[in-house]
Amino acid sequence: MKKLLLILVCLPLIGFGQGSNNNNSILSAEDYLNRGVSKTYLSDYSGAIVDYSKAIEINPNFGLAYYNRGLSKRHLKDYNGAIVDYSKAIELEPKYDSAYVNRGTTKTYLNDHRGAIADFTKAIEIKPNGSLSYYNRGASKAFLKDYNGAIVDYSKAIELKPKYDSAYVNRGVSKIYLKDYNGAITDCTKAIEINSNYVLAYFNRGVSKYNLNDLEGACQDVIKAEELGYDVSKLINAVCVTPVEGVQESPNNPSFEIDLPEGYQIEQSDDLYNILTASKYSEGEVVGMIEIRYSDDWSFSTFTNEEFISEMIKTDKIKASSSMLFDNFRIHSKDKSYLKGVGNCFSSTYSGDYYENGLRITNLVVSFVRDAKLFTLIGSSPPEKFHSNQKEFLKAFDTFRL
């Protein structure tokens, strides 16, 4: 459901129409640049880098050569090298808006969305009518769960480029996160009017219709998405089913039971997907916190709990998602675990400094998939108190039942 598109800027490579030196035995910096551009169009990125490097060797202040070499490095997934080249281009030409946009986009590949937002913002200052800068900044804000901010940026991108189909879809996705399903349907429908084969527009419109209990409409959109090549076969089986008469839909927030440790106070949360927040205080300071969250993303209906556990153990998805919230992020453990009230789970412990306040926290996180939803139980505390709190967290998690 939560598919966010992030356009990588592949602006046309810029070269000079003709080399400045007619002696074939001695090539100028411009000649090497143009030859590098030609190799890039032939997808010979390594060869292009060699030529751009030669142009830079001849003219160390050749901003365009650094910029184009950065593009080629990005194609070869040398993201850090690309950022170095974009930065040099910006140093030589401080108003180089395209270099800011491409550097920001490359930072998103390294999950540095805050750094990306700073670059997109600078590009907007230089070129206020750059729709792509607003679009990409919106995508990075969405990755950081600033969905309202993302909507503002997508809206500006649409204002500047009225037929921006992907901006409509991504704005719709942000509205889905905020449970504005009617607004999401409107945006996805507009994207389909612009591009009748836009598979993600059908898919996310189907998600929104499903959440509004329009099962027939949801089924039609999901089937259309599959016809256009999107693999949603498992979702079709889940969505295109006639409800049994007399059976009520389950409420949005799942019901559950848990025995909280002594001293924990339940608190209110504005997060729609946070179904419990409880904190323990000592001398006015939070010394422990327990949260229970869930996600009803349709993707969780496409695999089993065991598949989820295996995928989380094998991959770096924890780091990819958590690094958006934490600096100095460190994973201490990740493994398969078992809770009495739930069964098999994926568990991990990690530490990091919150970007928003600099506080260092250690988390025990237990996740599992049940009834096409992802449930996450989080126990948090300052690192120096985590060892003593960990036993309380595990004891409480063991009592969790849906």
Protein backbone atom coordinates (compact mmCIF):
# COMPACT_ATOMS: atom_id res chain seq x y z
CA MET A 1 0.00 0.00 0.00
CA LYS A 2 2.69 2.40 0.98
CA LYS A 3 4.63 2.66 -2.20
CA LEU A 4 6.47 5.92 -2.44
CA LEU A 5 8.09 6.93 -5.67
CA LEU A 6 11.31 8.91 -5.58
CA ILE A 7 12.46 10.22 -8.95
CA LEU A 8 16.18 10.04 -9.45
CA VAL A 9 17.14 13.09 -11.41
CA CYS A 10 18.62 12.08 -14.71
CA LEU A 11 18.86 15.53 -16.20
CA PRO A 12 20.31 15.59 -19.70
CA LEU A 13 24.05 15.52 -19.63
CA ILE A 14 25.49 18.80 -20.76
CA GLY A 15 28.38 18.99 -23.15
CA PHE A 16 29.91 21.38 -25.63
CA GLY A 17 28.90 21.15 -29.26
CA GLN A 18 32.45 21.01 -30.54
CA GLY A 19 35.86 20.51 -29.04
CA SER A 20 38.03 23.58 -28.82
CA ASN A 21 41.12 21.93 -30.30
CA ASN A 22 41.23 20.61 -33.86
CA ASN A 23 44.46 18.70 -33.28
CA ASN A 24 43.29 15.10 -32.82
CA SER A 25 46.48 14.19 -30.95
CA ILE A 26 45.83 16.74 -28.18
CA LEU A 27 42.35 16.70 -26.65
CA SER A 28 41.05 19.58 -24.57
CA ALA A 29 39.03 19.33 -21.36
CA GLU A 30 35.91 20.04 -23.42
CA ASP A 31 36.79 17.22 -25.83
CA TYR A 32 37.09 14.75 -22.98
CA LEU A 33 33.81 16.02 -21.52
CA ASN A 34 31.97 15.50 -24.82
CA ARG A 35 33.45 12.05 -25.26
CA GLY A 36 32.36 11.21 -21.71
CA VAL A 37 28.83 12.36 -22.53
CA SER A 38 28.77 10.11 -25.60
CA LYS A 39 29.93 7.13 -23.55
CA THR A 40 27.27 7.87 -20.95
CA TYR A 41 24.54 7.76 -23.59
CA LEU A 42 25.92 4.35 -24.56
CA SER A 43 25.72 3.28 -20.87
CA ASP A 44 29.52 3.00 -20.70
CA TYR A 45 29.63 4.71 -17.32
CA SER A 46 33.09 3.47 -16.38
CA GLY A 47 34.50 4.78 -19.65
CA ALA A 48 32.70 8.07 -19.15
CA ILE A 49 34.23 8.45 -15.69
CA VAL A 50 37.70 8.02 -17.19
CA ASP A 51 37.02 10.82 -19.68
CA TYR A 52 35.44 13.16 -17.11
CA SER A 53 38.43 12.54 -14.83
CA LYS A 54 40.78 13.45 -17.69
CA ALA A 55 38.81 16.65 -18.28
CA ILE A 56 39.17 17.50 -14.58
CA GLU A 57 42.88 16.73 -14.70
CA ILE A 58 43.28 19.29 -17.49
CA ASN A 59 40.90 21.81 -15.90
CA PRO A 60 40.51 21.28 -12.12
CA ASN A 61 37.83 23.99 -11.97
CA PHE A 62 35.55 22.32 -14.52
CA GLY A 63 32.28 22.14 -12.55
CA LEU A 64 30.35 20.47 -15.33
CA ALA A 65 32.86 17.61 -15.51
CA TYR A 66 32.45 16.97 -11.77
CA TYR A 67 28.67 17.05 -12.13
CA ASN A 68 28.59 14.60 -15.06
CA ARG A 69 31.08 12.31 -13.35
CA GLY A 70 28.78 12.30 -10.34
CA LEU A 71 25.91 11.16 -12.55
CA SER A 72 27.99 8.29 -13.92
CA LYS A 73 29.10 7.24 -10.44
CA ARG A 74 25.47 7.20 -9.35
CA HIS A 75 24.64 4.84 -12.21
CA LEU A 76 27.38 2.52 -10.92
CA LYS A 77 25.92 2.81 -7.39
CA ASP A 78 28.99 4.61 -6.08
CA TYR A 79 26.75 6.94 -4.12
CA ASN A 80 29.40 8.35 -1.80
CA GLY A 81 31.66 9.07 -4.78
CA ALA A 82 28.78 10.75 -6.58
CA ILE A 83 28.09 12.98 -3.58
CA VAL A 84 31.75 14.03 -3.47
CA ASP A 85 31.57 15.07 -7.14
CA TYR A 86 28.26 16.93 -6.78
CA SER A 87 29.72 18.74 -3.75
CA LYS A 88 32.76 19.82 -5.76
CA ALA A 89 30.52 21.06 -8.57
CA ILE A 90 28.56 23.09 -6.00
CA GLU A 91 31.78 24.45 -4.51
CA LEU A 92 32.81 25.67 -7.96
CA GLU A 93 29.32 26.87 -8.91
CA PRO A 94 27.29 27.70 -5.76
CA LYS A 95 24.07 28.31 -7.73
CA TYR A 96 24.18 24.89 -9.42
CA ASP A 97 20.58 23.85 -8.62
CA SER A 98 20.77 20.57 -10.57
CA ALA A 99 23.81 19.52 -8.53
CA TYR A 100 21.86 20.15 -5.32
CA VAL A 101 18.90 18.12 -6.62
CA ASN A 102 21.07 15.20 -7.71
CA ARG A 103 23.10 15.26 -4.51
CA GLY A 104 19.88 15.24 -2.51
CA THR A 105 18.49 12.35 -4.53
CA THR A 106 21.70 10.38 -4.08
CA LYS A 107 21.53 10.96 -0.32
CA THR A 108 18.14 9.25 -0.28
CA TYR A 109 19.83 6.08 -1.53
CA LEU A 110 21.96 6.24 1.63
CA ASN A 111 18.83 6.89 3.77
CA ASP A 112 20.05 10.39 4.59
CA HIS A 113 16.64 11.97 4.10
CA ARG A 114 17.36 14.98 6.30
CA GLY A 115 20.45 15.76 4.26
CA ALA A 116 18.38 15.27 1.11
CA ILE A 117 15.72 17.70 2.33
CA ALA A 118 18.40 20.32 2.96
CA ASP A 119 19.67 19.92 -0.61
CA PHE A 120 16.20 20.03 -2.18
CA THR A 121 15.42 23.14 -0.12
CA LYS A 122 18.58 24.83 -1.39
CA ALA A 123 17.66 23.92 -4.96
CA ILE A 124 14.23 25.51 -4.42
CA GLU A 125 15.87 28.70 -3.11
CA ILE A 126 17.93 28.88 -6.30
CA LYS A 127 15.11 27.84 -8.63
CA PRO A 128 11.68 28.39 -6.98
CA ASN A 129 9.76 26.92 -9.92
CA GLY A 130 11.55 23.57 -9.87
CA SER A 131 8.70 21.06 -9.56
CA LEU A 132 11.09 18.12 -9.22
CA SER A 133 12.73 19.66 -6.14
CA TYR A 134 9.36 19.96 -4.41
CA TYR A 135 8.43 16.43 -5.46
CA ASN A 136 11.63 14.87 -4.14
CA ARG A 137 11.51 16.90 -0.94
CA GLY A 138 7.97 15.64 -0.43
CA ALA A 139 9.15 12.05 -0.87
CA SER A 140 11.89 12.50 1.73
CA LYS A 141 9.43 14.07 4.16
CA ALA A 142 7.14 11.09 3.66
CA PHE A 143 10.02 8.71 4.44
CA LEU A 144 10.43 10.63 7.72
CA LYS A 145 6.66 10.27 8.33
CA ASP A 146 6.01 14.00 7.92
CA TYR A 147 2.99 13.26 5.76
CA ASN A 148 1.40 16.70 6.10
CA GLY A 149 4.66 18.31 5.02
CA ALA A 150 4.91 15.87 2.13
CA ILE A 151 1.40 16.77 0.98
CA VAL A 152 2.32 20.47 0.94
CA ASP A 153 5.34 19.77 -1.27
CA TYR A 154 3.49 17.41 -3.62
CA SER A 155 0.77 20.04 -3.97
CA LYS A 156 3.33 22.68 -4.93
CA ALA A 157 4.86 20.30 -7.47
CA ILE A 158 1.39 19.79 -8.98
CA GLU A 159 0.79 23.54 -9.05
CA LEU A 160 3.99 23.99 -11.04
CA LYS A 161 3.36 20.94 -13.23
CA PRO A 162 -0.39 20.22 -13.44
CA LYS A 163 0.02 16.86 -15.20
CA TYR A 164 2.50 15.48 -12.66
CA ASP A 165 0.92 12.04 -12.33
CA SER A 166 3.44 10.61 -9.85
CA ALA A 167 2.99 13.64 -7.59
CA TYR A 168 -0.75 12.93 -7.48
CA VAL A 169 -0.10 9.28 -6.57
CA ASN A 170 2.43 10.09 -3.87
CA ARG A 171 0.17 12.77 -2.42
CA GLY A 172 -2.53 10.12 -2.37
CA VAL A 173 -0.23 7.71 -0.54
CA SER A 174 0.50 10.32 2.13
CA LYS A 175 -3.24 10.81 2.53
CA ILE A 176 -3.62 7.05 3.00
CA TYR A 177 -1.16 7.22 5.88
CA LEU A 178 -3.35 9.96 7.40
CA LYS A 179 -6.47 7.82 6.72
CA ASP A 180 -7.86 10.41 4.30
CA TYR A 181 -9.03 7.68 1.94
CA ASN A 182 -11.46 9.85 -0.03
CA GLY A 183 -8.69 12.35 -0.67
CA ALA A 184 -6.40 9.54 -1.78
CA ILE A 185 -9.03 8.22 -4.20
CA THR A 186 -9.38 11.69 -5.73
CA ASP A 187 -5.62 11.97 -6.24
CA CYS A 188 -5.19 8.48 -7.68
CA THR A 189 -8.15 9.02 -10.01
CA LYS A 190 -6.54 12.23 -11.29
CA ALA A 191 -3.30 10.35 -11.93
CA ILE A 192 -5.23 7.74 -13.93
CA GLU A 193 -6.85 10.50 -16.00
CA ILE A 194 -3.33 11.71 -16.86
CA ASN A 195 -1.87 8.24 -17.37
CA SER A 196 -4.40 5.45 -17.84
CA ASN A 197 -1.71 2.77 -17.41
CA TYR A 198 -0.33 4.01 -14.09
CA VAL A 199 -0.29 0.77 -12.13
CA LEU A 200 0.43 2.29 -8.70
CA ALA A 201 -2.49 4.69 -9.11
CA TYR A 202 -4.87 1.74 -9.51
CA PHE A 203 -3.22 -0.16 -6.69
CA ASN A 204 -3.37 2.67 -4.14
CA ARG A 205 -6.87 3.65 -5.19
CA GLY A 206 -7.84 0.04 -4.53
CA VAL A 207 -6.26 0.26 -1.09
CA SER A 208 -8.30 3.36 -0.31
CA LYS A 209 -11.54 1.83 -1.54
CA TYR A 210 -10.91 -1.26 0.55
CA ASN A 211 -10.48 0.87 3.66
CA LEU A 212 -13.82 2.54 2.88
CA ASN A 213 -15.41 -0.92 2.56
CA ASP A 214 -15.94 -0.50 -1.18
CA LEU A 215 -14.87 -4.09 -1.79
CA GLU A 216 -16.17 -4.27 -5.36
CA GLY A 217 -14.32 -1.11 -6.36
CA ALA A 218 -11.18 -2.27 -4.55
CA CYS A 219 -11.31 -5.60 -6.35
CA GLN A 220 -11.63 -3.93 -9.76
CA ASP A 221 -8.63 -1.67 -9.13
CA VAL A 222 -6.43 -4.47 -7.81
CA ILE A 223 -7.27 -6.66 -10.81
CA LYS A 224 -6.44 -3.74 -13.12
CA ALA A 225 -3.09 -3.32 -11.36
CA GLU A 226 -2.32 -6.98 -11.97
CA GLU A 227 -3.31 -6.68 -15.64
CA LEU A 228 -0.75 -3.88 -15.92
CA GLY A 229 1.99 -6.12 -14.54
CA TYR A 230 1.90 -5.55 -10.78
CA ASP A 231 2.20 -8.81 -8.83
CA VAL A 232 -0.83 -8.69 -6.55
CA SER A 233 -2.17 -12.22 -7.01
CA LYS A 234 -2.28 -12.89 -3.26
CA LEU A 235 -4.04 -9.59 -2.64
CA ILE A 236 -6.71 -10.42 -5.19
CA ASN A 237 -7.57 -13.54 -3.19
CA ALA A 238 -7.77 -11.45 -0.02
CA VAL A 239 -9.73 -8.53 -1.48
CA CYS A 240 -12.00 -10.02 -4.11
CA VAL A 241 -14.01 -12.05 -1.61
CA THR A 242 -17.69 -11.55 -0.87
CA PRO A 243 -18.16 -10.87 2.86
CA VAL A 244 -20.17 -13.45 4.78
CA GLU A 245 -23.57 -12.03 5.64
CA GLY A 246 -23.93 -11.10 9.30
CA VAL A 247 -20.19 -10.92 9.97
CA GLN A 248 -19.13 -7.46 11.07
CA GLU A 249 -15.92 -5.81 9.96
CA SER A 250 -13.28 -5.65 12.67
CA PRO A 251 -12.62 -2.18 14.10
CA ASN A 252 -9.70 -0.15 12.79
CA ASN A 253 -7.70 -0.53 16.00
CA PRO A 254 -7.23 -4.18 17.05
CA SER A 255 -8.24 -5.18 20.57
CA PHE A 256 -5.53 -6.65 22.79
CA GLU A 257 -4.50 -7.53 26.33
CA ILE A 258 -1.20 -6.93 28.08
CA ASP A 259 -0.05 -6.88 31.72
CA LEU A 260 2.07 -3.77 32.15
CA PRO A 261 4.92 -3.72 34.67
CA GLU A 262 4.39 -1.93 37.96
CA GLY A 263 4.72 1.84 37.77
CA TYR A 264 3.84 2.26 34.07
CA GLN A 265 1.23 4.91 33.25
CA ILE A 266 -0.85 4.75 30.06
CA GLU A 267 -0.60 7.95 28.01
CA GLN A 268 -2.43 9.39 25.03
CA SER A 269 -0.89 9.30 21.55
CA ASP A 270 -1.85 11.25 18.43
CA ASP A 271 -0.40 8.49 16.24
CA LEU A 272 -3.32 6.62 14.68
CA TYR A 273 -1.31 3.40 14.49
CA ASN A 274 -0.07 3.53 18.07
CA ILE A 275 -2.52 1.50 20.16
CA LEU A 276 -0.64 1.79 23.45
CA THR A 277 1.92 4.09 25.01
CA ALA A 278 2.87 3.59 28.66
CA SER A 279 5.71 5.30 30.52
CA LYS A 280 7.51 4.87 33.82
CA TYR A 281 8.85 7.98 35.57
CA SER A 282 11.53 8.58 38.19
CA GLU A 283 12.09 12.09 39.54
CA GLY A 284 10.17 13.51 36.59
CA GLU A 285 12.26 11.70 33.98
CA VAL A 286 11.10 8.86 31.72
CA VAL A 287 13.12 5.76 32.64
CA GLY A 288 11.11 3.26 30.60
CA MET A 289 8.48 3.23 27.86
CA ILE A 290 6.37 0.51 26.26
CA GLU A 291 4.63 1.07 22.93
CA ILE A 292 2.45 -1.19 20.81
CA ARG A 293 2.02 -0.31 17.17
CA TYR A 294 0.47 -1.94 14.14
CA SER A 295 0.44 -1.45 10.39
CA ASP A 296 -2.38 -2.53 8.09
CA ASP A 297 -0.30 -2.15 4.94
CA TRP A 298 -1.64 -4.60 2.38
CA SER A 299 1.84 -5.95 1.79
CA PHE A 300 1.57 -7.85 5.07
CA SER A 301 -1.12 -10.04 3.54
CA THR A 302 1.32 -11.27 0.88
CA PHE A 303 3.61 -13.31 3.14
CA THR A 304 3.49 -15.44 6.28
CA ASN A 305 4.85 -14.59 9.69
CA GLU A 306 7.68 -17.07 9.18
CA GLU A 307 8.59 -15.43 5.87
CA PHE A 308 8.61 -12.04 7.58
CA ILE A 309 10.92 -13.28 10.36
CA SER A 310 13.31 -14.86 7.87
CA GLU A 311 13.44 -11.70 5.73
CA MET A 312 14.14 -9.45 8.71
CA ILE A 313 16.97 -11.66 9.95
CA LYS A 314 18.61 -11.90 6.52
CA THR A 315 18.38 -8.23 5.49
CA ASP A 316 19.29 -4.77 6.82
CA LYS A 317 15.72 -3.47 6.85
CA ILE A 318 15.94 -2.50 10.52
CA LYS A 319 18.86 -0.22 9.83
CA ALA A 320 17.24 1.23 6.71
CA SER A 321 14.04 2.21 8.55
CA SER A 322 15.46 3.17 11.96
CA SER A 323 18.28 5.31 10.60
CA MET A 324 15.58 7.78 9.54
CA LEU A 325 14.91 8.47 13.24
CA PHE A 326 18.30 7.91 14.86
CA ASP A 327 21.85 9.11 14.52
CA ASN A 328 24.75 6.89 15.63
CA PHE A 329 22.52 3.88 15.06
CA ARG A 330 23.81 0.49 16.23
CA ILE A 331 22.16 -2.94 16.12
CA HIS A 332 23.04 -5.15 19.11
CA SER A 333 21.08 -8.27 18.19
CA LYS A 334 18.41 -9.65 15.88
CA ASP A 335 16.94 -13.12 16.02
CA LYS A 336 13.84 -15.29 16.08
CA SER A 337 12.07 -15.36 19.45
CA TYR A 338 8.89 -16.74 21.02
CA LEU A 339 6.15 -15.11 23.08
CA LYS A 340 3.61 -17.20 24.98
CA GLY A 341 0.60 -15.22 23.80
CA VAL A 342 1.75 -14.80 20.21
CA GLY A 343 4.13 -17.53 19.10
CA ASN A 344 7.17 -16.97 16.90
CA CYS A 345 8.38 -13.37 16.46
CA PHE A 346 11.28 -11.36 15.17
CA SER A 347 13.15 -9.60 17.95
CA SER A 348 15.96 -7.05 17.90
CA THR A 349 17.77 -4.64 20.18
CA TYR A 350 19.39 -1.45 18.96
CA SER A 351 20.54 1.96 20.18
CA GLY A 352 20.59 5.41 18.66
CA ASP A 353 20.41 9.16 19.27
CA TYR A 354 17.04 10.66 18.38
CA TYR A 355 17.47 13.32 15.70
CA GLU A 356 14.79 15.56 17.20
CA ASN A 357 16.21 15.83 20.74
CA GLY A 358 19.61 14.11 20.77
CA LEU A 359 18.60 11.66 23.52
CA ARG A 360 20.23 8.23 23.30
CA ILE A 361 17.81 5.33 23.63
CA THR A 362 18.11 1.56 23.61
CA ASN A 363 15.12 -0.34 22.23
CA LEU A 364 13.90 -3.91 22.49
CA VAL A 365 11.61 -4.50 19.51
CA VAL A 366 9.46 -7.59 18.91
CA SER A 367 7.44 -7.87 15.67
CA PHE A 368 5.13 -10.42 14.09
CA VAL A 369 2.53 -10.68 11.33
CA ARG A 370 -1.02 -11.68 12.23
CA ASP A 371 -4.25 -11.29 10.24
CA ALA A 372 -2.51 -9.32 7.46
CA LYS A 373 -1.17 -6.76 9.96
CA LEU A 374 2.29 -6.14 11.36
CA PHE A 375 2.34 -5.78 15.15
CA THR A 376 5.34 -4.22 16.87
CA LEU A 377 6.01 -4.17 20.62
CA ILE A 378 8.70 -1.69 21.67
CA GLY A 379 10.42 -1.33 25.02
CA SER A 380 12.61 1.78 25.32
CA SER A 381 14.89 3.16 28.01
CA PRO A 382 18.13 5.08 28.47
CA PRO A 383 21.08 2.73 27.79
CA GLU A 384 22.25 2.74 31.42
CA LYS A 385 18.84 1.48 32.58
CA PHE A 386 18.12 -0.91 29.72
CA HIS A 387 19.54 -4.06 31.34
CA SER A 388 17.23 -3.76 34.36
CA ASN A 389 14.24 -2.78 32.21
CA GLN A 390 14.74 -5.51 29.62
CA LYS A 391 13.38 -8.24 31.93
CA GLU A 392 10.25 -6.16 32.60
CA PHE A 393 9.76 -5.58 28.87
CA LEU A 394 10.04 -9.28 28.03
CA LYS A 395 7.74 -10.27 30.90
CA ALA A 396 5.09 -7.79 29.71
CA PHE A 397 5.45 -8.79 26.05
CA ASP A 398 4.92 -12.42 27.04
CA THR A 399 1.42 -11.50 28.29
CA PHE A 400 0.43 -9.75 25.04
CA ARG A 401 -2.60 -11.30 23.37
CA LEU A 402 -4.86 -10.18 20.51
